[in-house]
N, C-alpha and C. Protein backbone atom coordinates (compact mmCIF):
# COMPACT_ATOMS: atom_id res chain seq x y z
N UNK A 1 -52.37 73.12 38.81
CA UNK A 1 -52.73 71.73 39.02
C UNK A 1 -54.12 71.69 39.66
N UNK A 2 -55.04 70.91 39.10
CA UNK A 2 -56.39 70.84 39.65
C UNK A 2 -56.44 70.05 40.96
N UNK A 3 -57.48 70.32 41.74
CA UNK A 3 -57.72 69.55 42.96
C UNK A 3 -57.97 68.09 42.57
N UNK A 4 -57.48 67.16 43.38
CA UNK A 4 -57.81 65.75 43.12
C UNK A 4 -59.33 65.55 43.13
N UNK A 5 -59.78 64.56 42.39
CA UNK A 5 -61.21 64.27 42.27
C UNK A 5 -61.84 64.09 43.64
N UNK A 6 -63.03 64.66 43.78
CA UNK A 6 -63.79 64.49 45.01
C UNK A 6 -63.49 65.51 46.09
N UNK A 7 -62.57 66.43 45.82
CA UNK A 7 -62.22 67.45 46.80
C UNK A 7 -62.63 68.83 46.30
N UNK A 8 -63.09 69.65 47.22
CA UNK A 8 -63.50 71.02 46.89
C UNK A 8 -62.71 71.99 47.75
N UNK A 9 -62.38 73.12 47.17
CA UNK A 9 -61.58 74.15 47.84
C UNK A 9 -62.49 75.24 48.37
N UNK A 10 -62.20 75.70 49.59
CA UNK A 10 -62.93 76.82 50.18
C UNK A 10 -61.97 77.61 51.05
N UNK A 11 -62.45 78.74 51.54
CA UNK A 11 -61.66 79.56 52.46
C UNK A 11 -62.09 79.27 53.89
N UNK A 12 -61.21 79.57 54.82
CA UNK A 12 -61.44 79.33 56.24
C UNK A 12 -62.60 80.17 56.77
N UNK A 13 -63.38 79.56 57.64
CA UNK A 13 -64.42 80.25 58.41
C UNK A 13 -64.29 79.78 59.85
N UNK A 14 -64.83 80.53 60.77
CA UNK A 14 -64.67 80.23 62.20
C UNK A 14 -65.07 78.80 62.54
N UNK A 15 -66.11 78.29 61.89
CA UNK A 15 -66.56 76.93 62.21
C UNK A 15 -65.59 75.85 61.74
N UNK A 16 -64.56 76.22 60.99
CA UNK A 16 -63.54 75.27 60.53
C UNK A 16 -62.41 75.07 61.54
N UNK A 17 -62.39 75.85 62.60
CA UNK A 17 -61.23 75.90 63.49
C UNK A 17 -60.90 74.54 64.11
N UNK A 18 -61.86 73.85 64.67
CA UNK A 18 -61.57 72.58 65.33
C UNK A 18 -61.08 71.53 64.34
N UNK A 19 -61.70 71.47 63.16
CA UNK A 19 -61.24 70.54 62.13
C UNK A 19 -59.81 70.88 61.72
N UNK A 20 -59.50 72.17 61.60
CA UNK A 20 -58.16 72.57 61.21
C UNK A 20 -57.13 72.14 62.26
N UNK A 21 -57.43 72.38 63.53
CA UNK A 21 -56.49 72.00 64.60
C UNK A 21 -56.25 70.49 64.57
N UNK A 22 -57.30 69.71 64.39
CA UNK A 22 -57.16 68.25 64.36
C UNK A 22 -56.32 67.79 63.18
N UNK A 23 -56.59 68.34 62.00
CA UNK A 23 -55.80 67.95 60.82
C UNK A 23 -54.36 68.41 60.96
N UNK A 24 -54.16 69.61 61.44
CA UNK A 24 -52.80 70.11 61.63
C UNK A 24 -52.00 69.17 62.54
N UNK A 25 -52.63 68.68 63.60
CA UNK A 25 -51.95 67.76 64.52
C UNK A 25 -51.58 66.46 63.81
N UNK A 26 -52.46 65.95 62.96
CA UNK A 26 -52.15 64.72 62.21
C UNK A 26 -51.06 64.97 61.18
N UNK A 27 -51.19 66.06 60.44
CA UNK A 27 -50.24 66.34 59.36
C UNK A 27 -48.84 66.62 59.89
N UNK A 28 -48.75 67.18 61.08
CA UNK A 28 -47.45 67.56 61.65
C UNK A 28 -47.17 66.82 62.95
N UNK A 29 -47.60 65.57 63.03
CA UNK A 29 -47.44 64.78 64.26
C UNK A 29 -45.99 64.69 64.70
N UNK A 30 -45.06 64.70 63.76
CA UNK A 30 -43.64 64.56 64.13
C UNK A 30 -42.93 65.91 64.25
N UNK A 31 -43.64 67.00 64.03
CA UNK A 31 -43.02 68.32 64.12
C UNK A 31 -43.19 68.84 65.55
N UNK A 32 -42.09 69.23 66.19
CA UNK A 32 -42.17 69.59 67.62
C UNK A 32 -42.99 70.83 67.94
N UNK A 33 -43.18 71.73 67.00
CA UNK A 33 -43.96 72.94 67.29
C UNK A 33 -45.28 72.96 66.53
N UNK A 34 -45.22 72.83 65.22
CA UNK A 34 -46.43 72.94 64.41
C UNK A 34 -47.48 71.91 64.82
N UNK A 35 -47.06 70.69 65.09
CA UNK A 35 -48.00 69.64 65.43
C UNK A 35 -48.67 69.81 66.78
N UNK A 36 -48.15 70.68 67.61
CA UNK A 36 -48.72 70.89 68.95
C UNK A 36 -49.63 72.12 69.02
N UNK A 37 -49.93 72.73 67.89
CA UNK A 37 -50.80 73.91 67.92
C UNK A 37 -52.16 73.55 68.50
N UNK A 38 -52.63 74.40 69.38
CA UNK A 38 -53.93 74.22 70.02
C UNK A 38 -54.96 75.15 69.39
N UNK A 39 -56.19 75.00 69.80
CA UNK A 39 -57.23 75.92 69.35
C UNK A 39 -56.89 77.34 69.80
N UNK A 40 -56.35 77.49 71.01
CA UNK A 40 -55.94 78.81 71.49
C UNK A 40 -54.85 79.41 70.63
N UNK A 41 -53.88 78.58 70.20
CA UNK A 41 -52.82 79.07 69.32
C UNK A 41 -53.41 79.55 67.99
N UNK A 42 -54.34 78.76 67.45
CA UNK A 42 -54.99 79.16 66.20
C UNK A 42 -55.75 80.46 66.40
N UNK A 43 -56.50 80.56 67.48
CA UNK A 43 -57.27 81.78 67.74
C UNK A 43 -56.34 82.99 67.84
N UNK A 44 -55.17 82.81 68.45
CA UNK A 44 -54.19 83.91 68.54
C UNK A 44 -53.75 84.35 67.16
N UNK A 45 -53.50 83.40 66.27
CA UNK A 45 -53.05 83.77 64.92
C UNK A 45 -54.17 84.42 64.12
N UNK A 46 -55.38 83.91 64.28
CA UNK A 46 -56.53 84.50 63.59
C UNK A 46 -56.74 85.94 64.03
N UNK A 47 -56.36 86.26 65.26
CA UNK A 47 -56.51 87.63 65.78
C UNK A 47 -55.41 88.57 65.30
N UNK A 48 -54.37 88.04 64.66
CA UNK A 48 -53.26 88.88 64.18
C UNK A 48 -53.75 89.80 63.06
N UNK A 49 -53.14 90.95 62.94
CA UNK A 49 -53.54 91.92 61.92
C UNK A 49 -53.32 91.39 60.50
N UNK A 50 -52.37 90.49 60.32
CA UNK A 50 -52.07 89.97 58.99
C UNK A 50 -53.02 88.85 58.56
N UNK A 51 -53.81 88.29 59.48
CA UNK A 51 -54.64 87.15 59.13
C UNK A 51 -55.75 87.55 58.16
N UNK A 52 -55.91 86.75 57.11
CA UNK A 52 -56.97 86.94 56.13
C UNK A 52 -57.59 85.57 55.88
N UNK A 53 -58.85 85.36 56.25
CA UNK A 53 -59.45 84.03 56.08
C UNK A 53 -59.46 83.56 54.63
N UNK A 54 -59.46 84.48 53.68
CA UNK A 54 -59.42 84.10 52.27
C UNK A 54 -58.08 83.48 51.89
N UNK A 55 -57.07 83.68 52.73
CA UNK A 55 -55.74 83.14 52.46
C UNK A 55 -55.45 81.86 53.25
N UNK A 56 -56.47 81.29 53.85
CA UNK A 56 -56.35 79.97 54.48
C UNK A 56 -57.29 79.05 53.70
N UNK A 57 -56.70 78.36 52.72
CA UNK A 57 -57.46 77.52 51.81
C UNK A 57 -57.64 76.13 52.40
N UNK A 58 -58.84 75.61 52.29
CA UNK A 58 -59.17 74.29 52.83
C UNK A 58 -59.67 73.39 51.72
N UNK A 59 -59.21 72.15 51.71
CA UNK A 59 -59.71 71.14 50.78
C UNK A 59 -60.50 70.12 51.59
N UNK A 60 -61.78 69.95 51.21
CA UNK A 60 -62.65 69.00 51.90
C UNK A 60 -63.20 67.99 50.90
N UNK A 61 -63.46 66.78 51.41
CA UNK A 61 -64.07 65.77 50.55
C UNK A 61 -65.59 65.93 50.57
N UNK A 62 -66.27 65.08 49.83
CA UNK A 62 -67.73 65.19 49.68
C UNK A 62 -68.46 65.01 51.01
N UNK A 63 -67.84 64.34 51.96
CA UNK A 63 -68.44 64.15 53.29
C UNK A 63 -68.12 65.29 54.24
N UNK A 64 -67.37 66.28 53.75
CA UNK A 64 -67.02 67.43 54.58
C UNK A 64 -65.76 67.26 55.39
N UNK A 65 -65.09 66.11 55.23
CA UNK A 65 -63.86 65.87 55.99
C UNK A 65 -62.72 66.70 55.41
N UNK A 66 -62.00 67.38 56.29
CA UNK A 66 -60.88 68.20 55.88
C UNK A 66 -59.72 67.30 55.45
N UNK A 67 -59.24 67.51 54.23
CA UNK A 67 -58.18 66.67 53.66
C UNK A 67 -56.84 67.38 53.64
N UNK A 68 -56.86 68.71 53.57
CA UNK A 68 -55.62 69.47 53.51
C UNK A 68 -55.90 70.95 53.59
N UNK A 69 -54.82 71.71 53.76
CA UNK A 69 -54.96 73.17 53.84
C UNK A 69 -53.68 73.84 53.37
N UNK A 70 -53.83 75.07 52.93
CA UNK A 70 -52.69 75.92 52.57
C UNK A 70 -52.96 77.29 53.16
N UNK A 71 -52.17 77.64 54.16
CA UNK A 71 -52.31 78.91 54.86
C UNK A 71 -51.24 79.85 54.33
N UNK A 72 -51.69 80.95 53.77
CA UNK A 72 -50.81 81.98 53.23
C UNK A 72 -50.82 83.19 54.14
N UNK A 73 -49.73 83.90 54.12
CA UNK A 73 -49.61 85.09 54.97
C UNK A 73 -49.06 86.22 54.12
N UNK A 74 -49.68 87.37 54.20
CA UNK A 74 -49.14 88.58 53.58
C UNK A 74 -49.03 89.61 54.69
N UNK A 75 -47.81 90.05 54.94
CA UNK A 75 -47.55 91.00 56.01
C UNK A 75 -46.53 92.01 55.51
N UNK A 76 -46.88 93.28 55.56
CA UNK A 76 -45.97 94.31 55.09
C UNK A 76 -45.61 94.16 53.62
N UNK A 77 -46.52 93.62 52.84
CA UNK A 77 -46.28 93.45 51.42
C UNK A 77 -45.53 92.18 51.06
N UNK A 78 -45.04 91.44 52.06
CA UNK A 78 -44.31 90.20 51.79
C UNK A 78 -45.24 89.00 51.90
N UNK A 79 -45.27 88.19 50.85
CA UNK A 79 -46.11 87.00 50.82
C UNK A 79 -45.32 85.78 51.27
N UNK A 80 -46.03 84.89 51.96
CA UNK A 80 -45.37 83.70 52.52
C UNK A 80 -46.31 82.50 52.48
N UNK A 81 -45.76 81.34 52.15
CA UNK A 81 -46.44 80.08 52.41
C UNK A 81 -46.26 79.86 53.90
N UNK A 82 -47.30 80.14 54.67
CA UNK A 82 -47.21 80.08 56.13
C UNK A 82 -47.15 78.64 56.60
N UNK A 83 -48.09 77.84 56.14
CA UNK A 83 -48.05 76.40 56.43
C UNK A 83 -48.97 75.68 55.45
N UNK A 84 -48.51 74.53 54.99
CA UNK A 84 -49.27 73.69 54.08
C UNK A 84 -49.31 72.30 54.69
N UNK A 85 -50.50 71.76 54.87
CA UNK A 85 -50.63 70.45 55.49
C UNK A 85 -51.62 69.57 54.76
N UNK A 86 -51.31 68.28 54.72
CA UNK A 86 -52.15 67.29 54.06
C UNK A 86 -52.38 66.14 55.03
N UNK A 87 -53.61 65.64 55.07
CA UNK A 87 -53.91 64.48 55.89
C UNK A 87 -52.96 63.35 55.49
N UNK A 88 -52.27 62.73 56.44
CA UNK A 88 -51.33 61.65 56.10
C UNK A 88 -51.98 60.53 55.28
N UNK A 89 -53.28 60.30 55.45
CA UNK A 89 -53.97 59.28 54.66
C UNK A 89 -54.09 59.66 53.19
N UNK A 90 -53.84 60.92 52.87
CA UNK A 90 -53.94 61.40 51.48
C UNK A 90 -52.59 61.83 50.91
N UNK A 91 -51.53 61.53 51.62
CA UNK A 91 -50.19 61.96 51.19
C UNK A 91 -49.80 61.30 49.86
N UNK A 92 -48.98 62.02 49.11
CA UNK A 92 -48.40 61.52 47.85
C UNK A 92 -49.45 61.21 46.79
N UNK A 93 -50.54 61.98 46.79
CA UNK A 93 -51.59 61.80 45.78
C UNK A 93 -51.89 63.09 45.02
N UNK A 94 -51.02 64.08 45.16
CA UNK A 94 -51.19 65.31 44.40
C UNK A 94 -51.92 66.43 45.12
N UNK A 95 -52.42 66.17 46.33
CA UNK A 95 -53.16 67.21 47.03
C UNK A 95 -52.24 68.35 47.45
N UNK A 96 -51.06 68.05 47.95
CA UNK A 96 -50.12 69.11 48.34
C UNK A 96 -49.78 70.00 47.16
N UNK A 97 -49.52 69.40 46.01
CA UNK A 97 -49.21 70.18 44.80
C UNK A 97 -50.38 71.05 44.39
N UNK A 98 -51.59 70.49 44.46
CA UNK A 98 -52.78 71.25 44.08
C UNK A 98 -53.02 72.41 45.03
N UNK A 99 -52.86 72.17 46.33
CA UNK A 99 -53.03 73.25 47.31
C UNK A 99 -51.97 74.32 47.13
N UNK A 100 -50.73 73.91 46.90
CA UNK A 100 -49.66 74.89 46.69
C UNK A 100 -49.98 75.74 45.47
N UNK A 101 -50.36 75.10 44.37
CA UNK A 101 -50.67 75.84 43.14
C UNK A 101 -51.84 76.80 43.35
N UNK A 102 -52.88 76.35 44.04
CA UNK A 102 -54.04 77.22 44.28
C UNK A 102 -53.63 78.44 45.10
N UNK A 103 -52.81 78.24 46.11
CA UNK A 103 -52.36 79.36 46.93
C UNK A 103 -51.47 80.32 46.17
N UNK A 104 -50.55 79.78 45.38
CA UNK A 104 -49.67 80.66 44.60
C UNK A 104 -50.46 81.43 43.56
N UNK A 105 -51.47 80.79 42.96
CA UNK A 105 -52.34 81.49 42.01
C UNK A 105 -53.07 82.64 42.70
N UNK A 106 -53.57 82.40 43.90
CA UNK A 106 -54.27 83.43 44.66
C UNK A 106 -53.34 84.60 44.96
N UNK A 107 -52.12 84.30 45.38
CA UNK A 107 -51.16 85.37 45.65
C UNK A 107 -50.83 86.14 44.38
N UNK A 108 -50.67 85.44 43.27
CA UNK A 108 -50.38 86.12 42.00
C UNK A 108 -51.53 87.05 41.60
N UNK A 109 -52.76 86.60 41.81
CA UNK A 109 -53.93 87.45 41.52
C UNK A 109 -53.90 88.72 42.34
N UNK A 110 -53.29 88.66 43.51
CA UNK A 110 -53.20 89.82 44.40
C UNK A 110 -51.91 90.61 44.18
N UNK A 111 -51.15 90.24 43.15
CA UNK A 111 -49.97 91.01 42.78
C UNK A 111 -48.67 90.57 43.44
N UNK A 112 -48.65 89.40 44.05
CA UNK A 112 -47.44 88.91 44.71
C UNK A 112 -46.75 87.90 43.81
N UNK A 113 -45.62 88.29 43.24
CA UNK A 113 -44.87 87.37 42.39
C UNK A 113 -43.65 86.79 43.09
N UNK A 114 -43.39 87.23 44.30
CA UNK A 114 -42.30 86.69 45.10
C UNK A 114 -42.89 86.17 46.41
N UNK A 115 -42.60 84.91 46.71
CA UNK A 115 -43.20 84.25 47.87
C UNK A 115 -42.11 83.54 48.65
N UNK A 116 -42.10 83.74 49.96
CA UNK A 116 -41.15 83.06 50.84
C UNK A 116 -41.83 81.87 51.51
N UNK A 117 -41.00 80.95 51.98
CA UNK A 117 -41.49 79.88 52.85
C UNK A 117 -40.32 79.38 53.67
N UNK A 118 -40.67 78.77 54.77
CA UNK A 118 -39.68 78.20 55.69
C UNK A 118 -40.03 76.73 55.86
N UNK A 119 -39.02 75.87 55.74
CA UNK A 119 -39.25 74.43 55.84
C UNK A 119 -38.07 73.78 56.55
N UNK A 120 -38.38 72.75 57.33
CA UNK A 120 -37.32 72.01 58.02
C UNK A 120 -36.50 71.23 56.99
N UNK A 121 -35.19 71.20 57.19
CA UNK A 121 -34.28 70.56 56.24
C UNK A 121 -34.50 69.06 56.13
N UNK A 122 -35.11 68.44 57.14
CA UNK A 122 -35.32 67.00 57.10
C UNK A 122 -36.71 66.62 56.59
N UNK A 123 -37.48 67.58 56.12
CA UNK A 123 -38.82 67.32 55.60
C UNK A 123 -38.72 67.07 54.09
N UNK A 124 -38.25 65.88 53.73
CA UNK A 124 -37.98 65.56 52.33
C UNK A 124 -39.20 65.71 51.43
N UNK A 125 -40.40 65.26 51.82
CA UNK A 125 -41.55 65.44 50.93
C UNK A 125 -41.85 66.92 50.65
N UNK A 126 -41.78 67.76 51.68
CA UNK A 126 -42.04 69.19 51.48
C UNK A 126 -40.96 69.82 50.60
N UNK A 127 -39.72 69.49 50.85
CA UNK A 127 -38.63 70.03 50.03
C UNK A 127 -38.83 69.66 48.57
N UNK A 128 -39.19 68.42 48.30
CA UNK A 128 -39.41 67.99 46.92
C UNK A 128 -40.58 68.75 46.30
N UNK A 129 -41.66 68.92 47.05
CA UNK A 129 -42.83 69.67 46.56
C UNK A 129 -42.44 71.09 46.18
N UNK A 130 -41.75 71.77 47.07
CA UNK A 130 -41.41 73.17 46.82
C UNK A 130 -40.40 73.31 45.69
N UNK A 131 -39.47 72.39 45.59
CA UNK A 131 -38.49 72.46 44.49
C UNK A 131 -39.17 72.20 43.15
N UNK A 132 -40.13 71.28 43.11
CA UNK A 132 -40.88 71.05 41.87
C UNK A 132 -41.65 72.30 41.46
N UNK A 133 -42.03 73.11 42.44
CA UNK A 133 -42.78 74.34 42.16
C UNK A 133 -41.85 75.52 41.90
N UNK A 134 -40.56 75.26 41.74
CA UNK A 134 -39.54 76.26 41.38
C UNK A 134 -39.08 77.13 42.54
N UNK A 135 -39.37 76.74 43.78
CA UNK A 135 -38.77 77.44 44.92
C UNK A 135 -37.29 77.08 44.98
N UNK A 136 -36.47 78.04 45.36
CA UNK A 136 -35.03 77.83 45.49
C UNK A 136 -34.59 78.33 46.86
N UNK A 137 -33.47 77.79 47.35
CA UNK A 137 -32.93 78.23 48.63
C UNK A 137 -32.59 79.71 48.58
N UNK A 138 -33.11 80.46 49.53
CA UNK A 138 -32.75 81.87 49.68
C UNK A 138 -31.81 82.04 50.86
N UNK A 139 -31.99 81.19 51.86
CA UNK A 139 -31.14 81.19 53.05
C UNK A 139 -31.29 79.84 53.71
N UNK A 140 -30.24 79.41 54.38
CA UNK A 140 -30.27 78.16 55.12
C UNK A 140 -29.83 78.47 56.54
N UNK A 141 -30.69 78.15 57.50
CA UNK A 141 -30.40 78.40 58.91
C UNK A 141 -30.08 77.09 59.61
N UNK A 142 -29.18 77.17 60.57
CA UNK A 142 -28.81 76.01 61.37
C UNK A 142 -29.02 76.37 62.83
N UNK A 143 -29.68 75.49 63.54
CA UNK A 143 -29.92 75.71 64.96
C UNK A 143 -29.08 74.73 65.76
N UNK A 144 -28.43 75.25 66.79
CA UNK A 144 -27.60 74.41 67.65
C UNK A 144 -28.18 74.40 69.06
N UNK A 145 -27.90 73.31 69.78
CA UNK A 145 -28.32 73.21 71.17
C UNK A 145 -27.19 72.54 71.94
N UNK A 146 -26.82 73.10 73.06
CA UNK A 146 -25.84 72.49 73.95
C UNK A 146 -26.57 71.44 74.77
N UNK A 147 -26.13 70.21 74.63
CA UNK A 147 -26.84 69.11 75.32
C UNK A 147 -25.97 68.50 76.40
């Protein structure tokens, strides 16, 4: 699936960090962990041995505003959709599908034909996106809390 008109795809560079943190917070405002990532949290992940800037895809508009991202992770030979986020102002316009396709194509070029991802069960838009892309349940986890 092509990028929506007016958006260009690039790989992450250090100068993208603050824009990424800001967009991640907007895209995951209702997520208790992902939406609270700080610049320090991002820096910690960038310092991990598995981090590859070529696997953090960014979609920007003509004005340079970050519209979405697809962060992929390959660790020990296992490929993963680490996190995919879209600016809420651009939701439901095909950007998530385009970013997912671009990332999966990149992984396929690198020889990864099996890809894992983890998603919250109540994230209906993400579940629909991944199911349309032929992802299937491999495992379902349930978390309990004594309140």
